[in-house]
């Protein structure tokens, strides 16, 4: 069936009640249509990227759509996959994104097009129009159009739409019919009734009855036997197999708001200069490149389904190297920043019976996003925030929206913090998970206390904002790269990461202080000298990974899987 250019109606607004997913079809393309809780209407290809199950039978959770088969979750607006239950401790690759179609909601209808960058150009006649019940017909659009004109005396209205017809015989009020070509043998007639709501019910019943008789006449014609057709799904594998090269300045955003969110902490809300922001998983961070060229990493605090803006919070460090001080003192509302796409080294599992979120000061930022995600699906969690005083609690007004699941612990000395942590953590039980973020000393206390209380290492997750270890770069060692068939020497005073880059071996990195784990590499042979604050005790003991920005080697040679 030939495709016509332009916009076509694929659903009525009343087809999208709260938390519903509607199935539609246009030119053999099956579509899943759903309205998010923020009002955004999504029109997506109707299949999960995992096993091809129809998303129209999925679960609309307000800001995410969940596939019924294996529980893959896709974000509102972007259709990016943000959670895979089979890999709950890993963030999905950013390239796992479903196909989307443009969506415009006008005149009580949801419209879409198969063309890219096509502006909405449907010109609508004046008046008050009400959408009637859709009438599916087992006949192609050309046959239905011809029958409308012959049987019902319809008059084509190409000034409105290629498949628009004015009808004066359905009832006492003017009716406008629009055709939705599903495939070569099926068409949906979408009619709108003019004249307001005073006699709408009686007129609607009259019009629908006439259309039903019309459908029976058309389908009874032997020359219009239904034609079987297969839905068209365009391949997306090539897009996933060849992800775009990462860029440190992937997007330009504008500072929409700047304000003080706590004593010594600056909040920033940024919006894209063009398009929408990509999907992200709770716990993700972005690299922010300031106008001075300084690059820093900050966690996204927003909940699921966020695509219009991101909010971050930045602590003004007394010994700032130019990042936090510039943001606090120089950056202004309206300024432009370069930011990377979100990366996640601190992903949230969503299969826990109870999730403990433990934050120290500014460490609340990734945990706030986690709490919002858990609250959205009514999963059990508690957020414990430790701070010097009430005025030092970051984003306190946003924490109020999560009550009573939030507990503040204020003005405690180190001994009291340790005692309170032991009370909060308690003994381990199946289904419990801990996520801790904050100063290195606090996260190390959480790890030590959890270990004493019998928590398995895989149930305790942490992220540090800094690395308190004193880095020793006095050693020299050799490195063999197994996949690159390259041998290099790392001299004293230079990091392994910098030497790898000097030899053309690119590794992603972020903090380059041993705190975030972005530059982790797999070790095949040799014993690393771990100087990072990212790897857990078990990971250090296994010696299977090395954080290349700070760690070195205890043996003369390392063999890496690079």
Protein backbone atom coordinates (compact mmCIF):
# COMPACT_ATOMS: atom_id res chain seq x y z
CA UNK A 1 0.00 0.00 0.00
CA UNK A 2 1.41 3.36 -0.98
CA UNK A 3 2.09 5.73 1.89
CA UNK A 4 0.74 9.25 1.74
CA UNK A 5 2.75 12.08 3.19
CA UNK A 6 1.33 14.18 5.95
CA UNK A 7 -0.27 13.80 9.34
CA UNK A 8 -2.96 11.22 10.11
CA UNK A 9 -5.21 10.70 13.15
CA UNK A 10 -4.39 7.46 14.97
CA UNK A 11 -6.39 7.85 18.20
CA UNK A 12 -8.90 10.07 19.92
CA UNK A 13 -8.01 11.89 23.12
CA UNK A 14 -10.66 9.86 24.93
CA UNK A 15 -8.81 6.68 23.89
CA UNK A 16 -6.05 7.62 26.36
CA UNK A 17 -7.53 7.50 29.87
CA UNK A 18 -5.25 7.44 32.91
CA UNK A 19 -2.54 4.75 32.77
CA UNK A 20 -3.90 3.14 29.58
CA UNK A 21 -1.99 2.01 26.47
CA UNK A 22 -3.82 2.19 23.13
CA UNK A 23 -2.94 0.10 20.07
CA UNK A 24 -3.12 1.74 16.63
CA UNK A 25 -1.94 1.07 13.11
CA UNK A 26 -0.98 3.37 10.25
CA UNK A 27 0.25 2.16 6.85
CA UNK A 28 1.11 -1.29 8.30
CA UNK A 29 3.03 0.25 11.23
CA UNK A 30 1.75 -0.93 14.58
CA UNK A 31 1.90 1.75 17.27
CA UNK A 32 1.57 1.85 21.04
CA UNK A 33 0.07 5.17 22.18
CA UNK A 34 -0.01 6.26 25.82
CA UNK A 35 -0.36 9.42 27.83
CA UNK A 36 2.17 9.98 30.62
CA UNK A 37 1.17 11.55 33.92
CA UNK A 38 2.79 14.83 32.83
CA UNK A 39 0.35 14.98 29.88
CA UNK A 40 2.84 14.04 27.18
CA UNK A 41 1.41 11.74 24.51
CA UNK A 42 3.81 9.04 23.27
CA UNK A 43 3.46 7.32 19.89
CA UNK A 44 5.96 4.44 19.70
CA UNK A 45 6.61 1.42 17.56
CA UNK A 46 4.54 -1.33 19.14
CA UNK A 47 7.24 -3.77 20.21
CA UNK A 48 9.70 -4.28 23.01
CA UNK A 49 13.27 -4.32 21.74
CA UNK A 50 14.00 -7.49 23.70
CA UNK A 51 11.63 -10.14 22.32
CA UNK A 52 9.29 -8.09 20.14
CA UNK A 53 6.28 -8.36 22.46
CA UNK A 54 3.66 -5.69 21.83
CA UNK A 55 4.03 -2.73 24.17
CA UNK A 56 0.30 -2.04 23.80
CA UNK A 57 -0.25 -4.84 26.34
CA UNK A 58 2.38 -3.30 28.61
CA UNK A 59 1.87 -1.43 31.86
CA UNK A 60 1.62 2.38 31.81
CA UNK A 61 3.21 3.38 35.12
CA UNK A 62 2.76 7.09 34.61
CA UNK A 63 6.24 8.12 33.50
CA UNK A 64 7.49 4.74 32.29
CA UNK A 65 6.06 2.00 30.08
CA UNK A 66 6.86 -1.56 31.23
CA UNK A 67 6.81 -4.55 28.90
CA UNK A 68 4.66 -7.38 30.26
CA UNK A 69 7.02 -10.14 29.16
CA UNK A 70 10.38 -9.54 30.83
CA UNK A 71 9.74 -6.18 32.47
CA UNK A 72 11.93 -3.92 30.35
CA UNK A 73 11.08 -0.29 31.16
CA UNK A 74 11.08 2.60 28.70
CA UNK A 75 11.12 6.29 29.58
CA UNK A 76 8.39 8.78 28.74
CA UNK A 77 9.07 10.89 25.63
CA UNK A 78 12.50 9.46 24.72
CA UNK A 79 11.55 5.73 24.70
CA UNK A 80 15.00 4.97 26.10
CA UNK A 81 15.27 1.69 28.02
CA UNK A 82 16.06 2.57 31.62
CA UNK A 83 15.77 -0.78 33.43
CA UNK A 84 16.24 -4.47 32.60
CA UNK A 85 15.12 -6.81 35.44
CA UNK A 86 17.43 -9.61 34.28
CA UNK A 87 20.37 -7.27 34.94
CA UNK A 88 19.09 -5.25 37.91
CA UNK A 89 22.51 -4.00 39.01
CA UNK A 90 23.47 -2.65 35.58
CA UNK A 91 22.32 0.42 33.73
CA UNK A 92 21.14 -0.37 30.16
CA UNK A 93 23.21 1.00 27.29
CA UNK A 94 22.04 4.45 26.23
CA UNK A 95 21.61 3.22 22.65
CA UNK A 96 18.75 0.87 23.62
CA UNK A 97 15.96 3.17 22.53
CA UNK A 98 12.66 2.29 20.88
CA UNK A 99 11.47 3.93 17.69
CA UNK A 100 9.22 6.94 18.25
CA UNK A 101 6.85 8.80 15.97
CA UNK A 102 5.92 12.50 16.21
CA UNK A 103 2.75 13.18 18.18
CA UNK A 104 0.40 16.17 18.09
CA UNK A 105 -2.87 16.30 20.01
CA UNK A 106 -5.35 18.64 18.32
CA UNK A 107 -9.13 18.84 17.81
CA UNK A 108 -9.72 15.91 20.18
CA UNK A 109 -7.48 13.61 18.11
CA UNK A 110 -3.91 12.30 18.34
CA UNK A 111 -2.05 12.78 15.05
CA UNK A 112 1.21 11.29 13.82
CA UNK A 113 3.30 11.08 10.66
CA UNK A 114 5.84 8.66 9.25
CA UNK A 115 7.95 11.54 7.95
CA UNK A 116 10.75 13.26 9.82
CA UNK A 117 10.80 16.99 10.55
CA UNK A 118 7.32 17.56 9.09
CA UNK A 119 5.49 20.46 10.71
CA UNK A 120 1.83 19.98 11.61
CA UNK A 121 -0.18 21.65 8.84
CA UNK A 122 -3.77 20.42 9.21
CA UNK A 123 -6.09 23.42 8.81
CA UNK A 124 -9.27 23.02 10.84
CA UNK A 125 -12.63 24.70 10.16
CA UNK A 126 -14.03 27.00 12.81
CA UNK A 127 -16.61 25.71 15.23
CA UNK A 128 -17.11 23.42 18.20
CA UNK A 129 -16.36 19.81 17.20
CA UNK A 130 -16.93 16.62 19.21
CA UNK A 131 -15.20 13.34 18.39
CA UNK A 132 -17.51 10.39 17.71
CA UNK A 133 -16.84 6.69 18.14
CA UNK A 134 -14.27 5.37 15.63
CA UNK A 135 -15.65 2.97 13.01
CA UNK A 136 -13.19 0.30 11.72
CA UNK A 137 -13.93 -0.97 8.21
CA UNK A 138 -12.48 -4.03 6.48
CA UNK A 139 -11.70 -2.16 3.29
CA UNK A 140 -8.85 -0.07 1.98
CA UNK A 141 -8.89 3.73 2.31
CA UNK A 142 -9.48 4.36 -1.41
CA UNK A 143 -12.48 2.03 -1.43
CA UNK A 144 -13.91 3.57 1.76
CA UNK A 145 -13.43 7.07 0.37
CA UNK A 146 -15.21 6.17 -2.85
CA UNK A 147 -18.08 4.54 -0.93
CA UNK A 148 -18.45 7.59 1.35
CA UNK A 149 -18.98 9.78 -1.68
CA UNK A 150 -21.27 7.32 -3.51
CA UNK A 151 -23.38 6.00 -0.64
CA UNK A 152 -23.45 8.92 1.80
CA UNK A 153 -22.88 11.83 -0.58
CA UNK A 154 -19.68 12.93 1.11
CA UNK A 155 -17.79 15.90 -0.29
CA UNK A 156 -13.95 15.71 -0.26
CA UNK A 157 -12.24 18.43 1.77
CA UNK A 158 -8.59 18.36 0.58
CA UNK A 159 -8.15 21.84 2.06
CA UNK A 160 -8.32 20.15 5.47
CA UNK A 161 -6.71 16.76 4.85
CA UNK A 162 -6.05 14.32 1.99
CA UNK A 163 -8.64 11.95 3.50
CA UNK A 164 -11.16 14.45 4.91
CA UNK A 165 -14.85 14.39 3.85
CA UNK A 166 -17.79 16.62 4.76
CA UNK A 167 -21.02 14.71 5.43
CA UNK A 168 -24.50 16.21 5.65
CA UNK A 169 -26.59 13.01 5.66
CA UNK A 170 -25.49 11.36 8.92
CA UNK A 171 -27.57 13.55 11.22
CA UNK A 172 -28.99 17.04 11.61
CA UNK A 173 -25.56 18.63 12.26
CA UNK A 174 -22.49 18.86 10.00
CA UNK A 175 -20.06 15.91 10.30
CA UNK A 176 -16.44 15.77 9.20
CA UNK A 177 -15.00 12.30 8.46
CA UNK A 178 -11.25 11.56 8.51
CA UNK A 179 -9.77 8.27 7.34
CA UNK A 180 -6.94 6.46 9.07
CA UNK A 181 -5.37 3.96 6.61
CA UNK A 182 -4.33 0.97 8.70
CA UNK A 183 -3.24 -1.28 5.85
CA UNK A 184 -4.33 -2.24 2.34
CA UNK A 185 -7.51 -3.88 3.64
CA UNK A 186 -8.44 -1.93 6.77
CA UNK A 187 -9.44 1.67 7.45
CA UNK A 188 -10.68 3.52 10.51
CA UNK A 189 -13.28 6.25 10.00
CA UNK A 190 -12.93 9.02 12.59
CA UNK A 191 -15.87 11.43 12.58
CA UNK A 192 -16.31 14.75 14.31
CA UNK A 193 -19.70 16.31 14.99
CA UNK A 194 -20.21 20.08 14.81
CA UNK A 195 -22.60 22.17 16.82
CA UNK A 196 -21.73 21.93 20.51
CA UNK A 197 -22.95 19.62 23.22
CA UNK A 198 -26.60 20.63 23.59
CA UNK A 199 -27.99 17.79 21.44
CA UNK A 200 -24.73 15.93 21.07
CA UNK A 201 -25.78 12.55 22.52
CA UNK A 202 -28.87 12.12 20.31
CA UNK A 203 -27.01 13.31 17.20
CA UNK A 204 -24.01 11.12 17.97
CA UNK A 205 -26.20 8.02 18.29
CA UNK A 206 -27.87 8.89 15.01
CA UNK A 207 -24.55 9.42 13.21
CA UNK A 208 -22.95 6.26 14.61
CA UNK A 209 -25.96 4.17 13.59
CA UNK A 210 -25.72 5.48 10.02
CA UNK A 211 -21.97 4.80 9.90
CA UNK A 212 -22.47 1.26 11.19
CA UNK A 213 -24.98 0.56 8.39
CA UNK A 214 -22.53 2.09 5.94
CA UNK A 215 -19.75 -0.22 7.17
CA UNK A 216 -21.98 -3.25 6.69
CA UNK A 217 -22.75 -2.19 3.13
CA UNK A 218 -19.07 -1.67 2.26
CA UNK A 219 -17.89 -4.93 3.86
CA UNK A 220 -20.69 -6.88 2.18
CA UNK A 221 -19.32 -5.99 -1.24
CA UNK A 222 -17.58 -9.14 -2.47
CA UNK A 223 -14.96 -7.08 -4.26
CA UNK A 224 -13.78 -5.72 -0.93
CA UNK A 225 -12.66 -8.91 0.79
CA UNK A 226 -10.18 -8.18 3.62
CA UNK A 227 -6.56 -8.32 2.49
CA UNK A 228 -4.18 -9.89 4.96
CA UNK A 229 -0.99 -7.94 5.61
CA UNK A 230 1.92 -8.17 8.00
CA UNK A 231 2.83 -5.24 10.23
CA UNK A 232 5.97 -3.39 9.17
CA UNK A 233 8.79 -3.08 11.71
CA UNK A 234 11.83 -1.18 10.59
CA UNK A 235 15.14 -2.66 11.83
CA UNK A 236 16.93 -0.93 14.67
CA UNK A 237 19.76 -3.45 15.16
CA UNK A 238 22.24 -1.39 13.14
CA UNK A 239 21.64 1.58 15.42
CA UNK A 240 22.40 -0.52 18.48
CA UNK A 241 25.40 -2.29 17.00
CA UNK A 242 27.18 0.94 16.08
CA UNK A 243 26.65 3.38 18.96
CA UNK A 244 27.76 6.91 18.31
CA UNK A 245 31.13 7.94 19.64
CA UNK A 246 30.93 9.52 23.06
CA UNK A 247 31.52 13.25 23.13
CA UNK A 248 32.37 15.24 26.25
CA UNK A 249 30.24 18.10 24.90
CA UNK A 250 27.34 16.08 23.57
CA UNK A 251 24.66 18.66 24.37
CA UNK A 252 24.33 22.36 25.00
CA UNK A 253 21.99 23.34 27.83
CA UNK A 254 20.91 26.65 29.28
CA UNK A 255 20.78 27.49 32.97
CA UNK A 256 17.08 28.12 33.53
CA UNK A 257 17.31 28.57 37.29
CA UNK A 258 20.05 29.05 39.86
CA UNK A 259 19.34 29.17 43.58
CA UNK A 260 20.73 28.24 46.97
CA UNK A 261 19.35 24.85 47.97
CA UNK A 262 21.19 24.69 51.31
CA UNK A 263 23.99 26.46 53.09
CA UNK A 264 27.01 26.37 50.78
CA UNK A 265 25.15 24.40 48.08
CA UNK A 266 23.98 25.79 44.73
CA UNK A 267 21.12 24.30 42.75
CA UNK A 268 20.96 24.47 38.96
CA UNK A 269 18.09 23.59 36.65
CA UNK A 270 19.19 23.27 33.03
CA UNK A 271 17.10 22.91 29.87
CA UNK A 272 18.13 21.85 26.36
CA UNK A 273 18.63 24.57 23.75
CA UNK A 274 17.11 22.25 21.14
CA UNK A 275 15.13 19.01 21.32
CA UNK A 276 14.65 16.97 24.46
CA UNK A 277 16.96 15.58 27.09
CA UNK A 278 17.86 11.87 26.82
CA UNK A 279 16.57 9.18 29.16
CA UNK A 280 18.59 8.33 32.26
CA UNK A 281 18.50 5.85 35.11
CA UNK A 282 18.39 6.80 38.82
CA UNK A 283 21.93 7.29 40.10
CA UNK A 284 23.20 8.69 36.79
CA UNK A 285 25.52 11.67 36.52
CA UNK A 286 26.52 14.08 33.76
CA UNK A 287 29.83 15.71 32.93
CA UNK A 288 29.40 19.48 33.04
CA UNK A 289 31.95 21.50 31.08
CA UNK A 290 32.02 25.08 32.31
CA UNK A 291 32.88 28.11 30.12
CA UNK A 292 36.35 28.06 31.70
CA UNK A 293 36.98 24.58 30.27
CA UNK A 294 36.78 22.90 33.68
CA UNK A 295 34.82 19.62 33.63
CA UNK A 296 33.04 18.24 36.68
CA UNK A 297 30.56 15.45 37.37
CA UNK A 298 27.19 16.01 39.05
CA UNK A 299 24.31 13.63 39.75
CA UNK A 300 20.85 14.17 38.27
CA UNK A 301 18.28 14.52 41.05
CA UNK A 302 15.10 14.22 38.98
CA UNK A 303 12.59 11.39 39.01
CA UNK A 304 11.57 9.09 36.14
CA UNK A 305 10.28 10.41 32.85
CA UNK A 306 12.18 13.70 33.01
CA UNK A 307 12.91 15.09 29.54
CA UNK A 308 12.36 18.85 29.75
CA UNK A 309 14.95 19.78 32.40
CA UNK A 310 17.52 18.39 34.81
CA UNK A 311 18.35 19.60 38.30
CA UNK A 312 21.76 19.22 39.92
CA UNK A 313 23.17 20.48 43.20
CA UNK A 314 26.78 21.63 43.65
CA UNK A 315 28.59 21.96 46.97
CA UNK A 316 30.92 24.96 47.12
CA UNK A 317 34.15 23.25 48.17
CA UNK A 318 36.52 25.40 50.28
CA UNK A 319 39.48 24.10 48.27
CA UNK A 320 37.71 24.36 44.93
CA UNK A 321 39.88 23.87 41.85
CA UNK A 322 37.60 26.12 39.83
CA UNK A 323 34.40 24.09 39.44
CA UNK A 324 32.11 24.69 42.38
CA UNK A 325 33.48 28.18 43.02
CA UNK A 326 32.74 29.25 39.44
CA UNK A 327 29.21 27.87 39.68
CA UNK A 328 28.55 29.59 43.00
CA UNK A 329 30.11 32.96 42.21
CA UNK A 330 30.20 33.48 38.43
CA UNK A 331 27.65 31.33 36.62
CA UNK A 332 24.39 33.14 35.92
CA UNK A 333 20.88 32.25 34.86
CA UNK A 334 20.75 32.12 31.07
CA UNK A 335 24.37 30.99 30.65
CA UNK A 336 25.11 28.05 28.37
CA UNK A 337 26.88 24.88 29.47
CA UNK A 338 28.13 21.79 27.65
CA UNK A 339 27.03 18.50 29.23
CA UNK A 340 27.57 14.87 28.39
CA UNK A 341 24.85 12.28 28.02
CA UNK A 342 24.02 10.63 31.38
CA UNK A 343 26.31 7.84 32.58
CA UNK A 344 25.58 5.52 35.47
CA UNK A 345 28.14 3.78 37.66
CA UNK A 346 25.67 3.66 40.55
CA UNK A 347 22.55 1.94 39.12
CA UNK A 348 19.48 1.18 41.21
CA UNK A 349 17.97 -2.30 41.50
CA UNK A 350 14.19 -2.29 41.50
CA UNK A 351 13.62 -5.84 42.69
CA UNK A 352 14.31 -5.22 46.39
CA UNK A 353 11.62 -5.70 49.02
CA UNK A 354 13.16 -2.83 50.99
CA UNK A 355 15.74 -0.28 49.87
CA UNK A 356 17.77 1.75 52.37
CA UNK A 357 19.11 5.02 50.96
CA UNK A 358 21.79 6.60 53.17
CA UNK A 359 23.07 10.06 52.26
CA UNK A 360 25.74 12.24 53.75
CA UNK A 361 25.14 15.92 52.89
CA UNK A 362 25.47 16.52 49.15
CA UNK A 363 25.44 12.74 48.69
CA UNK A 364 21.65 12.98 48.70
CA UNK A 365 21.59 14.02 45.02
CA UNK A 366 21.69 10.58 43.32
CA UNK A 367 19.64 9.06 46.15
CA UNK A 368 16.89 11.64 45.62
CA UNK A 369 16.48 10.38 42.05
CA UNK A 370 16.38 6.80 43.35
CA UNK A 371 13.78 7.67 45.98
CA UNK A 372 11.58 9.31 43.37
CA UNK A 373 11.82 6.29 41.09
CA UNK A 374 10.93 3.90 43.92
CA UNK A 375 8.07 6.11 45.09
CA UNK A 376 6.64 6.20 41.56
CA UNK A 377 6.19 2.41 41.56
CA UNK A 378 5.28 2.24 45.27
CA UNK A 379 8.35 0.18 46.15
CA UNK A 380 9.37 0.16 49.82
CA UNK A 381 12.25 2.45 50.71
CA UNK A 382 13.65 4.68 53.43
CA UNK A 383 15.87 7.69 52.80
CA UNK A 384 18.16 8.68 55.68
CA UNK A 385 19.92 12.03 55.30
CA UNK A 386 22.82 12.98 57.60
CA UNK A 387 23.74 16.67 57.74
CA UNK A 388 25.36 19.19 60.09
CA UNK A 389 22.12 21.12 60.57
CA UNK A 390 18.73 21.66 59.01
CA UNK A 391 20.10 24.50 56.88
CA UNK A 392 22.75 22.13 55.45
CA UNK A 393 20.19 19.63 54.07
CA UNK A 394 20.30 19.90 50.25
CA UNK A 395 16.99 20.27 48.38
CA UNK A 396 15.01 20.00 51.62
CA UNK A 397 11.82 21.23 49.95
CA UNK A 398 11.98 18.37 47.45
CA UNK A 399 12.61 15.85 50.22
CA UNK A 400 9.36 17.00 51.83
CA UNK A 401 7.49 15.52 48.86
CA UNK A 402 8.76 12.05 49.85
CA UNK A 403 7.59 12.12 53.46
CA UNK A 404 7.15 10.03 55.58
CA UNK A 405 9.85 7.91 53.92
CA UNK A 406 12.56 10.49 54.70
CA UNK A 407 14.39 10.78 58.03
CA UNK A 408 16.87 13.56 58.85
CA UNK A 409 19.81 12.94 61.21
CA UNK A 410 21.27 16.30 62.24
CA UNK A 411 24.24 17.61 64.23
CA UNK A 412 25.71 14.22 65.16
CA UNK A 413 29.37 13.66 66.03
CA UNK A 414 31.25 10.74 64.39
CA UNK A 415 30.46 8.33 67.24
CA UNK A 416 26.78 9.22 67.12
CA UNK A 417 26.76 8.84 63.33
CA UNK A 418 28.21 5.32 63.66
CA UNK A 419 25.64 4.39 66.31
CA UNK A 420 22.77 5.79 64.25
CA UNK A 421 24.01 3.99 61.13
CA UNK A 422 24.01 0.68 63.00
CA UNK A 423 20.40 1.32 64.08
CA UNK A 424 19.31 2.31 60.58
CA UNK A 425 21.04 -0.55 58.79
CA UNK A 426 20.14 -3.38 61.17
CA UNK A 427 20.65 -7.06 60.36
CA UNK A 428 20.44 -8.25 56.79
CA UNK A 429 17.34 -10.00 55.50
CA UNK A 430 16.57 -11.35 52.02
CA UNK A 431 15.36 -8.64 49.69
CA UNK A 432 17.07 -5.73 51.49
CA UNK A 433 19.51 -3.46 49.63
CA UNK A 434 21.63 -0.49 50.78
CA UNK A 435 22.68 2.50 48.67
CA UNK A 436 25.06 4.95 50.34
CA UNK A 437 26.53 8.18 48.97
CA UNK A 438 28.50 10.92 50.62
CA UNK A 439 31.96 11.68 52.00
CA UNK A 440 34.45 8.82 51.84
CA UNK A 441 34.58 8.41 55.61
CA UNK A 442 30.82 7.98 55.87
CA UNK A 443 30.52 5.46 53.05
CA UNK A 444 33.38 3.45 54.53
CA UNK A 445 31.52 3.43 57.85
CA UNK A 446 28.39 2.13 56.11
CA UNK A 447 30.42 -0.65 54.48
CA UNK A 448 32.12 -1.62 57.74
CA UNK A 449 28.91 -1.61 59.80
CA UNK A 450 26.99 -3.56 57.15
CA UNK A 451 29.75 -6.17 57.08
CA UNK A 452 29.65 -6.51 60.89
CA UNK A 453 25.87 -6.97 60.74
CA UNK A 454 26.15 -9.78 58.21
CA UNK A 455 25.24 -7.97 55.01
CA UNK A 456 26.63 -9.63 51.84
CA UNK A 457 28.80 -7.38 49.73
CA UNK A 458 26.47 -7.58 46.73
CA UNK A 459 23.64 -6.03 48.76
CA UNK A 460 25.61 -2.88 49.66
CA UNK A 461 26.16 -0.27 46.96
CA UNK A 462 28.02 3.00 47.38
CA UNK A 463 29.29 6.05 45.54
CA UNK A 464 31.92 8.50 46.73
CA UNK A 465 32.18 12.09 45.57
CA UNK A 466 35.88 12.15 46.27
CA UNK A 467 38.89 9.91 46.88
CA UNK A 468 40.53 10.45 50.26
CA UNK A 469 43.49 8.20 49.48
CA UNK A 470 46.90 9.82 49.06
CA UNK A 471 47.95 8.84 45.53
CA UNK A 472 51.47 7.43 45.22
CA UNK A 473 52.80 7.73 41.65
CA UNK A 474 56.42 6.84 42.43
CA UNK A 475 56.35 3.35 40.90
CA UNK A 476 57.02 2.36 37.29
CA UNK A 477 55.61 -0.74 35.59
CA UNK A 478 54.87 -2.32 32.22
CA UNK A 479 51.45 -3.03 30.71
CA UNK A 480 50.49 -5.49 27.98
CA UNK A 481 47.21 -4.83 26.18
CA UNK A 482 45.79 -8.21 25.15
CA UNK A 483 43.31 -7.04 22.53
CA UNK A 484 45.47 -4.26 21.11
CA UNK A 485 48.66 -6.43 20.94
CA UNK A 486 50.53 -3.50 22.44
CA UNK A 487 53.12 -3.26 25.23
CA UNK A 488 53.70 0.06 26.98
CA UNK A 489 55.69 1.38 29.90
CA UNK A 490 54.13 3.53 32.61
CA UNK A 491 56.82 5.75 34.14
CA UNK A 492 56.75 7.21 37.63
CA UNK A 493 54.73 10.39 37.89
CA UNK A 494 52.30 9.50 35.09
CA UNK A 495 48.94 7.78 35.42
CA UNK A 496 48.12 4.59 33.59
CA UNK A 497 45.15 6.35 31.98
CA UNK A 498 47.29 9.17 30.53
CA UNK A 499 49.85 6.72 29.12
CA UNK A 500 47.09 4.62 27.51
CA UNK A 501 45.71 7.72 25.81
CA UNK A 502 49.16 8.76 24.65
CA UNK A 503 49.35 5.44 22.80
CA UNK A 504 45.95 5.88 21.16
CA UNK A 505 43.96 3.67 23.54
CA UNK A 506 40.86 5.63 24.52
CA UNK A 507 39.04 4.89 27.78
CA UNK A 508 36.04 6.86 29.02
CA UNK A 509 36.73 8.84 32.17
CA UNK A 510 35.01 11.36 34.37
CA UNK A 511 36.42 12.45 37.73
CA UNK A 512 39.99 11.15 37.10
CA UNK A 513 40.45 11.04 40.87
CA UNK A 514 39.56 7.40 41.47
CA UNK A 515 36.04 8.04 42.78
CA UNK A 516 33.61 7.30 39.95
CA UNK A 517 34.91 4.10 38.32
CA UNK A 518 34.30 5.30 34.76
CA UNK A 519 37.84 4.40 33.61
CA UNK A 520 37.77 0.85 35.01
CA UNK A 521 39.64 -1.82 33.03
CA UNK A 522 39.71 -5.61 33.38
CA UNK A 523 42.94 -7.24 34.60
CA UNK A 524 44.00 -10.57 33.06
CA UNK A 525 47.37 -11.00 34.79
CA UNK A 526 49.26 -9.16 37.52
CA UNK A 527 48.33 -7.52 40.81
CA UNK A 528 47.05 -3.93 40.82
CA UNK A 529 48.02 -1.42 43.49
CA UNK A 530 44.50 -0.16 44.25
CA UNK A 531 44.44 3.53 45.16
CA UNK A 532 40.84 4.28 44.26
CA UNK A 533 37.69 4.80 46.32
CA UNK A 534 35.39 2.99 43.90
CA UNK A 535 36.04 -0.75 44.04
CA UNK A 536 34.54 -2.78 46.88
CA UNK A 537 36.58 -4.95 49.22
CA UNK A 538 35.69 -8.05 47.25
CA UNK A 539 36.58 -6.42 43.95
CA UNK A 540 39.93 -5.31 45.33
CA UNK A 541 40.67 -8.77 46.69
CA UNK A 542 39.86 -10.42 43.36
CA UNK A 543 42.30 -8.11 41.51
CA UNK A 544 40.18 -8.48 38.39
CA UNK A 545 39.77 -4.74 37.78
CA UNK A 546 41.85 -1.58 38.00
CA UNK A 547 40.83 2.08 38.06
CA UNK A 548 43.30 3.40 35.55
CA UNK A 549 43.28 7.08 36.54
CA UNK A 550 44.93 6.52 39.95
CA UNK A 551 45.88 2.88 40.53
CA UNK A 552 49.19 1.29 39.61
CA UNK A 553 50.80 -2.17 39.81
CA UNK A 554 52.37 -4.21 42.60
CA UNK A 555 53.90 -6.56 40.04
CA UNK A 556 56.39 -5.54 37.32
CA UNK A 557 53.80 -6.18 34.62
CA UNK A 558 50.03 -6.03 34.18
CA UNK A 559 48.05 -7.62 31.36
CA UNK A 560 44.80 -5.78 30.64
CA UNK A 561 41.82 -6.71 28.50
CA UNK A 562 42.21 -3.67 26.26
